[in-house]
Amino acid sequence: MDEHFELFLEEMGPAIDKRYVPPSSIERFRGKLPKQLLAYWEEHGWCGYADGLFWTVDPQEYGPVLDAWIGSTPFMEKDAYHIIARSAFGELYFWGERTCDSLTVFAPGAYCFPRESIFQNGDMNRGVRTFFSARDRDENNFDGTFSSARKKLGQLKHDEMYGFVPALALGGPATVTYLEKVKAVEHLVLLAQLAPLDVMTPPTLTDL
């Protein structure tokens, strides 16, 4: 294990609900995703971390989610993307084959954050290591509600997430009272049908 993943585990570990990654999945994404990510899959599997706050996922399984959110957007003209991780509340991490970790979608709010990775068209393996070592619990803990949601609804499994019912796009309140444990892929596809994706742009100096 390299020092980057050790830092990740110090902050986000230990792993829960680990799933073995079959060789067929490794081969399916060889040449599309960095060797370092495939090596992490082989050693650690697809898992939940931080008590289920953050999950590494099978990009093939999340193909319908990717299509639902960006399949008809200009993002697909820019790069070939794969969802490699998500949060308990539906933060989706997209990896571009050329642009690295260049897109994050927050599904409950129907907005996304495109960015330019310093590793695009460069050292993709280093980009993967940095992606994991940069993770922390606060970034995925929506309004600090994770502990309350986990206490109320129980531990998530690999195919589950905490979803607002009714959805925020339908005017539902963003409080723990309206959270339910739902099937992740199905719920994320549903959310994409409720509101158009809002692309957030980083602030410029004139905005500050």
Foldseek 3Di string as FASTA:
>chain_A
DDPLVVLLCVFWDDWDQFDQDDPVLLVVCVVQADPLVSVCCNVGNWTATNLQFKTFDRQVVLVLLCCLAPVPHCVVVVFDWTFGMAGQEGWTFIQGSQQGRQKIARLLVQEMEGDGDPQGNHPRNVSVSCVSSPDHNVVRCVVVCPVVLCVVANGDHPQKHWAFVVGVLVVGDPDSVRIYIDGRSVVSSVSSVRDHHHYDYDDDPVVD
